[in-house]
C-alpha atoms as a PDB file:
ATOM      1  CA  MET A   1     190.268  47.728  32.889  1.00  0.00           C
ATOM      2  CA  GLY A   2     189.400  51.251  31.755  1.00  0.00           C
ATOM      3  CA  ARG A   3     190.141  54.306  33.777  1.00  0.00           C
ATOM      4  CA  GLY A   4     187.554  55.269  36.311  1.00  0.00           C
ATOM      5  CA  LYS A   5     185.694  58.559  36.137  1.00  0.00           C
ATOM      6  CA  THR A   6     187.734  61.284  37.840  1.00  0.00           C
ATOM      7  CA  GLU A   7     185.807  63.448  40.257  1.00  0.00           C
ATOM      8  CA  LEU A   8     185.914  67.088  39.234  1.00  0.00           C
ATOM      9  CA  LYS A   9     186.635  69.284  42.234  1.00  0.00           C
ATOM     10  CA  ARG A  10     188.950  72.076  43.368  1.00  0.00           C
ATOM     11  CA  ILE A  11     192.613  71.141  43.671  1.00  0.00           C
ATOM     12  CA  GLU A  12     193.656  71.846  47.241  1.00  0.00           C
ATOM     13  CA  ASN A  13     197.432  71.914  46.675  1.00  0.00           C
ATOM     14  CA  ALA A  14     198.429  75.393  45.439  1.00  0.00           C
ATOM     15  CA  THR A  15     201.389  74.203  43.340  1.00  0.00           C
ATOM     16  CA  SER A  16     199.374  71.486  41.631  1.00  0.00           C
ATOM     17  CA  ARG A  17     196.540  73.940  41.068  1.00  0.00           C
ATOM     18  CA  GLN A  18     198.864  76.451  39.350  1.00  0.00           C
ATOM     19  CA  VAL A  19     200.418  73.773  37.121  1.00  0.00           C
ATOM     20  CA  THR A  20     196.967  72.525  36.093  1.00  0.00           C
ATOM     21  CA  PHE A  21     195.818  76.082  35.380  1.00  0.00           C
ATOM     22  CA  SER A  22     198.782  76.733  33.083  1.00  0.00           C
ATOM     23  CA  LYS A  23     198.255  73.499  31.151  1.00  0.00           C
ATOM     24  CA  ARG A  24     194.491  73.906  30.756  1.00  0.00           C
ATOM     25  CA  ARG A  25     194.845  77.599  29.832  1.00  0.00           C
ATOM     26  CA  SER A  26     197.294  76.828  27.076  1.00  0.00           C
ATOM     27  CA  GLY A  27     195.062  74.070  25.752  1.00  0.00           C
ATOM     28  CA  LEU A  28     191.977  76.334  25.823  1.00  0.00           C
ATOM     29  CA  LEU A  29     193.769  79.135  23.981  1.00  0.00           C
ATOM     30  CA  LYS A  30     194.993  76.650  21.395  1.00  0.00           C
ATOM     31  CA  LYS A  31     191.458  75.310  20.872  1.00  0.00           C
ATOM     32  CA  ALA A  32     190.116  78.850  20.462  1.00  0.00           C
ATOM     33  CA  PHE A  33     192.763  79.628  17.830  1.00  0.00           C
ATOM     34  CA  GLU A  34     192.070  76.389  15.937  1.00  0.00           C
ATOM     35  CA  LEU A  35     188.312  77.090  15.973  1.00  0.00           C
ATOM     36  CA  SER A  36     188.800  80.575  14.525  1.00  0.00           C
ATOM     37  CA  VAL A  37     191.150  79.316  11.748  1.00  0.00           C
ATOM     38  CA  LEU A  38     189.362  76.107  10.806  1.00  0.00           C
ATOM     39  CA  CYS A  39     185.814  77.493  10.885  1.00  0.00           C
ATOM     40  CA  ASP A  40     186.489  81.155  10.067  1.00  0.00           C
ATOM     41  CA  ALA A  41     184.700  82.116  13.266  1.00  0.00           C
ATOM     42  CA  GLU A  42     185.141  85.240  15.301  1.00  0.00           C
ATOM     43  CA  VAL A  43     186.345  84.024  18.701  1.00  0.00           C
ATOM     44  CA  ALA A  44     187.131  85.979  21.836  1.00  0.00           C
ATOM     45  CA  LEU A  45     188.407  84.331  24.993  1.00  0.00           C
ATOM     46  CA  ILE A  46     188.981  86.015  28.360  1.00  0.00           C
ATOM     47  CA  ILE A  47     190.575  84.251  31.329  1.00  0.00           C
ATOM     48  CA  PHE A  48     191.436  85.548  34.795  1.00  0.00           C
ATOM     49  CA  SER A  49     193.886  83.562  36.871  1.00  0.00           C
ATOM     50  CA  PRO A  50     193.281  82.940  40.607  1.00  0.00           C
ATOM     51  CA  SER A  51     195.644  85.856  41.312  1.00  0.00           C
ATOM     52  CA  GLY A  52     193.679  88.157  38.970  1.00  0.00           C
ATOM     53  CA  LYS A  53     196.016  88.121  35.987  1.00  0.00           C
ATOM     54  CA  LEU A  54     194.295  88.593  32.621  1.00  0.00           C
ATOM     55  CA  PHE A  55     194.784  86.257  29.636  1.00  0.00           C
ATOM     56  CA  GLU A  56     192.857  86.838  26.445  1.00  0.00           C
ATOM     57  CA  PHE A  57     192.669  85.733  22.833  1.00  0.00           C
ATOM     58  CA  SER A  58     190.828  87.358  19.925  1.00  0.00           C
ATOM     59  CA  SER A  59     190.653  86.285  16.316  1.00  0.00           C
ATOM     60  CA  SER A  60     189.800  89.881  15.389  1.00  0.00           C
ATOM     61  CA  SER A  61     192.571  92.374  14.699  1.00  0.00           C
ATOM     62  CA  SER A  62     190.646  94.916  16.807  1.00  0.00           C
ATOM     63  CA  GLY A  63     190.944  92.794  19.911  1.00  0.00           C
ATOM     64  CA  THR A  64     188.379  91.353  22.277  1.00  0.00           C
ATOM     65  CA  SER A  65     186.657  94.719  22.804  1.00  0.00           C
ATOM     66  CA  ARG A  66     185.229  94.633  19.259  1.00  0.00           C
ATOM     67  CA  THR A  67     183.844  91.122  19.797  1.00  0.00           C
ATOM     68  CA  ILE A  68     182.366  92.145  23.142  1.00  0.00           C
ATOM     69  CA  GLU A  69     180.668  95.182  21.563  1.00  0.00           C
ATOM     70  CA  ARG A  70     179.289  92.973  18.841  1.00  0.00           C
ATOM     71  CA  TYR A  71     178.007  90.551  21.491  1.00  0.00           C
ATOM     72  CA  VAL A  72     176.274  93.333  23.458  1.00  0.00           C
ATOM     73  CA  THR A  73     174.634  94.759  20.335  1.00  0.00           C
ATOM     74  CA  LYS A  74     173.478  91.359  19.208  1.00  0.00           C
ATOM     75  CA  SER A  75     172.101  90.509  22.660  1.00  0.00           C
ATOM     76  CA  LYS A  76     170.063  93.713  22.751  1.00  0.00           C
ATOM     77  CA  ALA A  77     168.703  93.062  19.272  1.00  0.00           C
ATOM     78  CA  ILE A  78     167.702  89.530  20.238  1.00  0.00           C
ATOM     79  CA  ALA A  79     166.008  90.782  23.408  1.00  0.00           C
ATOM     80  CA  VAL A  80     164.079  93.462  21.489  1.00  0.00           C
ATOM     81  CA  ALA A  81     163.042  90.951  18.830  1.00  0.00           C
ATOM     82  CA  ALA A  82     161.891  88.483  21.467  1.00  0.00           C
ATOM     83  CA  GLU A  83     159.893  91.190  23.225  1.00  0.00           C
ATOM     84  CA  THR A  84     158.315  92.262  19.924  1.00  0.00           C
ATOM     85  CA  VAL A  85     157.370  88.676  19.103  1.00  0.00           C
ATOM     86  CA  GLU A  86     155.875  88.225  22.549  1.00  0.00           C
ATOM     87  CA  GLU A  87     153.820  91.417  22.250  1.00  0.00           C
ATOM     88  CA  THR A  88     152.625  90.357  18.807  1.00  0.00           C
ATOM     89  CA  ASN A  89     151.619  86.940  20.089  1.00  0.00           C
ATOM     90  CA  VAL A  90     149.759  88.481  23.018  1.00  0.00           C
ATOM     91  CA  LYS A  91     147.949  90.886  20.679  1.00  0.00           C
ATOM     92  CA  HIS A  92     146.915  88.038  18.371  1.00  0.00           C
ATOM     93  CA  MET A  93     145.723  85.996  21.318  1.00  0.00           C
ATOM     94  CA  LYS A  94     143.628  88.915  22.595  1.00  0.00           C
ATOM     95  CA  GLU A  95     142.112  89.456  19.151  1.00  0.00           C
ATOM     96  CA  GLU A  96     141.330  85.771  18.754  1.00  0.00           C
ATOM     97  CA  THR A  97     139.857  85.605  22.263  1.00  0.00           C
ATOM     98  CA  ALA A  98     137.709  88.690  21.654  1.00  0.00           C
ATOM     99  CA  GLY A  99     136.491  87.269  18.344  1.00  0.00           C
ATOM    100  CA  GLU A 100     135.628  83.906  19.889  1.00  0.00           C
ATOM    101  CA  LEU A 101     133.783  85.567  22.769  1.00  0.00           C
ATOM    102  CA  HIS A 102     131.809  87.714  20.317  1.00  0.00           C
ATOM    103  CA  LYS A 103     130.756  84.638  18.363  1.00  0.00           C
ATOM    104  CA  LYS A 104     129.739  82.819  21.553  1.00  0.00           C
ATOM    105  CA  ILE A 105     127.688  85.822  22.656  1.00  0.00           C
ATOM    106  CA  GLU A 106     125.904  85.908  19.294  1.00  0.00           C
ATOM    107  CA  VAL A 107     125.101  82.193  19.538  1.00  0.00           C
ATOM    108  CA  LEU A 108     123.759  82.586  23.079  1.00  0.00           C
ATOM    109  CA  GLU A 109     121.653  85.590  22.085  1.00  0.00           C
ATOM    110  CA  GLU A 110     120.169  83.655  19.163  1.00  0.00           C
ATOM    111  CA  SER A 111     119.379  80.704  21.445  1.00  0.00           C
ATOM    112  CA  ARG A 112     117.744  83.015  23.986  1.00  0.00           C
ATOM    113  CA  ARG A 113     115.533  84.636  21.330  1.00  0.00           C
ATOM    114  CA  ARG A 114     114.443  81.243  20.029  1.00  0.00           C
ATOM    115  CA  LEU A 115     113.613  80.022  23.519  1.00  0.00           C
ATOM    116  CA  LEU A 116     111.434  83.108  23.931  1.00  0.00           C
ATOM    117  CA  GLY A 117     109.620  82.234  20.715  1.00  0.00           C
ATOM    118  CA  GLU A 118     111.339  84.885  18.622  1.00  0.00           C
ATOM    119  CA  SER A 119     113.256  84.562  15.348  1.00  0.00           C
ATOM    120  CA  LEU A 120     111.667  81.193  14.571  1.00  0.00           C
ATOM    121  CA  ASP A 121     111.082  81.883  10.875  1.00  0.00           C
ATOM    122  CA  SER A 122     114.629  80.895   9.967  1.00  0.00           C
ATOM    123  CA  CYS A 123     114.532  77.671  12.026  1.00  0.00           C
ATOM    124  CA  SER A 124     114.364  74.315  10.318  1.00  0.00           C
ATOM    125  CA  LEU A 125     112.152  71.466  11.467  1.00  0.00           C
ATOM    126  CA  ALA A 126     115.039  69.807  13.292  1.00  0.00           C
ATOM    127  CA  GLU A 127     115.866  73.046  15.118  1.00  0.00           C
ATOM    128  CA  LEU A 128     112.227  73.519  16.128  1.00  0.00           C
ATOM    129  CA  GLU A 129     112.112  69.975  17.487  1.00  0.00           C
ATOM    130  CA  GLN A 130     115.283  70.649  19.444  1.00  0.00           C
ATOM    131  CA  ILE A 131     113.771  73.829  20.930  1.00  0.00           C
ATOM    132  CA  GLU A 132     110.630  71.855  21.829  1.00  0.00           C
ATOM    133  CA  ARG A 133     112.712  69.245  23.645  1.00  0.00           C
ATOM    134  CA  GLN A 134     114.494  72.018  25.545  1.00  0.00           C
ATOM    135  CA  PHE A 135     111.119  73.405  26.624  1.00  0.00           C
ATOM    136  CA  GLU A 136     110.010  69.970  27.806  1.00  0.00           C
ATOM    137  CA  ARG A 137     113.181  69.514  29.838  1.00  0.00           C
ATOM    138  CA  SER A 138     112.739  72.970  31.355  1.00  0.00           C
ATOM    139  CA  ILE A 139     109.125  72.214  32.328  1.00  0.00           C
ATOM    140  CA  ARG A 140     110.170  68.914  33.928  1.00  0.00           C
ATOM    141  CA  ASN A 141     112.858  70.705  35.929  1.00  0.00           C
ATOM    142  CA  ILE A 142     110.399  73.391  37.043  1.00  0.00           C
ATOM    143  CA  ARG A 143     107.843  70.809  38.156  1.00  0.00           C
ATOM    144  CA  ALA A 144     110.483  68.822  40.027  1.00  0.00           C
ATOM    145  CA  ARG A 145     111.593  71.975  41.838  1.00  0.00           C
ATOM    146  CA  LYS A 146     107.984  72.859  42.722  1.00  0.00           C
ATOM    147  CA  SER A 147     107.427  69.352  44.119  1.00  0.00           C
ATOM    148  CA  ALA A 148     110.543  69.635  46.232  1.00  0.00           C
ATOM    149  CA  LEU A 149     109.401  72.990  47.619  1.00  0.00           C
ATOM    150  CA  PHE A 150     105.924  71.625  48.397  1.00  0.00           C
ATOM    151  CA  LYS A 151     107.428  68.655  50.235  1.00  0.00           C
ATOM    152  CA  GLU A 152     109.672  70.987  52.200  1.00  0.00           C
ATOM    153  CA  GLN A 153     106.710  73.155  53.238  1.00  0.00           C
ATOM    154  CA  ILE A 154     104.660  70.088  54.210  1.00  0.00           C
ATOM    155  CA  ASN A 155     107.511  68.788  56.376  1.00  0.00           C
ATOM    156  CA  GLN A 156     107.791  72.170  58.083  1.00  0.00           C
ATOM    157  CA  LEU A 157     104.050  72.188  58.807  1.00  0.00           C
ATOM    158  CA  LYS A 158     104.246  68.653  60.195  1.00  0.00           C
ATOM    159  CA  GLU A 159     107.064  69.703  62.515  1.00  0.00           C
ATOM    160  CA  ARG A 160     104.996  72.651  63.759  1.00  0.00           C
ATOM    161  CA  GLU A 161     102.033  70.329  64.301  1.00  0.00           C
ATOM    162  CA  LYS A 162     104.198  67.965  66.365  1.00  0.00           C
ATOM    163  CA  LYS A 163     105.441  70.829  68.517  1.00  0.00           C
ATOM    164  CA  LEU A 164     101.884  72.041  69.145  1.00  0.00           C
ATOM    165  CA  MET A 165     100.717  68.526  70.026  1.00  0.00           C
ATOM    166  CA  ARG A 166     103.576  68.111  72.506  1.00  0.00           C
ATOM    167  CA  ALA A 167     102.747  71.446  74.095  1.00  0.00           C
ATOM    168  CA  ASN A 168      99.045  70.471  74.326  1.00  0.00           C
ATOM    169  CA  THR A 169      99.953  67.143  75.931  1.00  0.00           C
ATOM    170  CA  GLU A 170     102.074  68.870  78.557  1.00  0.00           C
ATOM    171  CA  LEU A 171      99.223  71.251  79.379  1.00  0.00           C
ATOM    172  CA  ARG A 172      96.829  68.321  79.792  1.00  0.00           C
ATOM    173  CA  LYS A 173      99.240  66.550  82.125  1.00  0.00           C
ATOM    174  CA  LYS A 174      99.546  69.647  84.279  1.00  0.00           C
ATOM    175  CA  GLY A 175      95.730  69.921  84.376  1.00  0.00           C
ATOM    176  CA  GLU A 176      95.380  66.295  85.526  1.00  0.00           C
ATOM    177  CA  MET A 177      97.952  66.770  88.319  1.00  0.00           C
ATOM    178  CA  ALA A 178      96.180  69.840  89.804  1.00  0.00           C
ATOM    179  CA  PRO A 179      93.475  69.255  92.596  1.00  0.00           C
ATOM    180  CA  TRP A 180      89.783  69.164  91.595  1.00  0.00           C
ATOM    181  CA  GLY A 181      88.354  72.615  91.119  1.00  0.00           C
ATOM    182  CA  GLN A 182      91.767  74.316  91.300  1.00  0.00           C
ATOM    183  CA  SER A 183      92.908  76.239  88.307  1.00  0.00           C
ATOM    184  CA  VAL A 184      96.291  75.565  86.799  1.00  0.00           C
ATOM    185  CA  LEU A 185      96.842  79.282  86.474  1.00  0.00           C
ATOM    186  CA  PRO A 186      98.365  81.092  89.488  1.00  0.00           C
ATOM    187  CA  ALA A 187      95.698  82.502  91.841  1.00  0.00           C
ATOM    188  CA  ALA A 188      95.289  86.231  91.940  1.00  0.00           C
ATOM    189  CA  LYS A 189      95.958  87.964  95.253  1.00  0.00           C
ATOM    190  CA  PRO A 190      92.740  89.185  96.945  1.00  0.00           C
ATOM    191  CA  GLN A 191      92.403  92.904  97.337  1.00  0.00           C
ATOM    192  CA  ALA A 192      91.806  94.149 100.845  1.00  0.00           C
ATOM    193  CA  LEU A 193      88.562  96.096 101.348  1.00  0.00           C
ATOM    194  CA  ASP A 194      88.996  99.235 103.340  1.00  0.00           C
ATOM    195  CA  MET A 195      85.482 100.712 103.798  1.00  0.00           C
ATOM    196  CA  GLU A 196      83.879 102.611 106.689  1.00  0.00           C
ATOM    197  CA  VAL A 197      80.125 102.135 107.245  1.00  0.00           C
ATOM    198  CA  GLU A 198      78.223 104.775 109.151  1.00  0.00           C
ATOM    199  CA  THR A 199      74.935 103.612 110.810  1.00  0.00           C
ATOM    200  CA  SER A 200      72.221 105.441 112.686  1.00  0.00           C
ATOM    201  CA  LEU A 201      69.160 104.284 114.626  1.00  0.00           C
ATOM    202  CA  PHE A 202      65.840 106.083 114.733  1.00  0.00           C
ATOM    203  CA  ILE A 203      62.318 105.120 115.860  1.00  0.00           C
ATOM    204  CA  GLY A 204      59.155 106.212 114.105  1.00  0.00           C
ATOM    205  CA  PRO A 205      57.233 105.839 110.897  1.00  0.00           C
ATOM    206  CA  PRO A 206      59.052 106.165 107.651  1.00  0.00           C
ATOM    207  CA  ASN A 207      59.519 109.568 106.061  1.00  0.00           C
ATOM    208  CA  GLU A 208      59.413 111.199 109.481  1.00  0.00           C
ATOM    209  CA  THR A 209      62.283 112.961 110.936  1.00  0.00           C
ATOM    210  CA  ARG A 210      63.043 113.000 114.591  1.00  0.00           C
ATOM    211  CA  ALA A 211      62.893 116.368 116.383  1.00  0.00           C
ATOM    212  CA  PRO A 212      66.165 117.553 117.642  1.00  0.00           C
END
């Protein structure tokens, strides 16, 4: 049977952890040296132990600092180049988008003029037939919309008629329930007459006044 896969996790025992660190560090430094010699590569390796001790390897005679400076310079150049490429791509996309929009606007303007009956001299027979079909579809849509509006108005009028008929029926019922000769409307309160009449009695022919 083959060996099972070893779980990679922190070694809890301090002594075992230090022994493993020493072995793996030596192996890593050896691999870095072999890579620089065999492939003529510039290699820099920096290791800090758990206690903070520094171990480093550099294939350059100037040490790891030269490789680090080279790395920083190269990283900045790559970042600037990537940013420049991104800006260029965005600019091209904007130009292409603006050009496409301009062409679409021109096509729409030409279609609008033709629908209004303008600029028809350059149209072919097929284009004129297409414009005619568009007009026919537009007229059908307009008529359908008008029919829908008429139906809506008729339904509204029918609803108003129903409401008026119900109100009339209720008024008739109230009139039938009232006594004969009595109005359905509330009776007005009689106004009291406050009048003084002065009378006098005299004897004699008309147009004659009685002596005092």
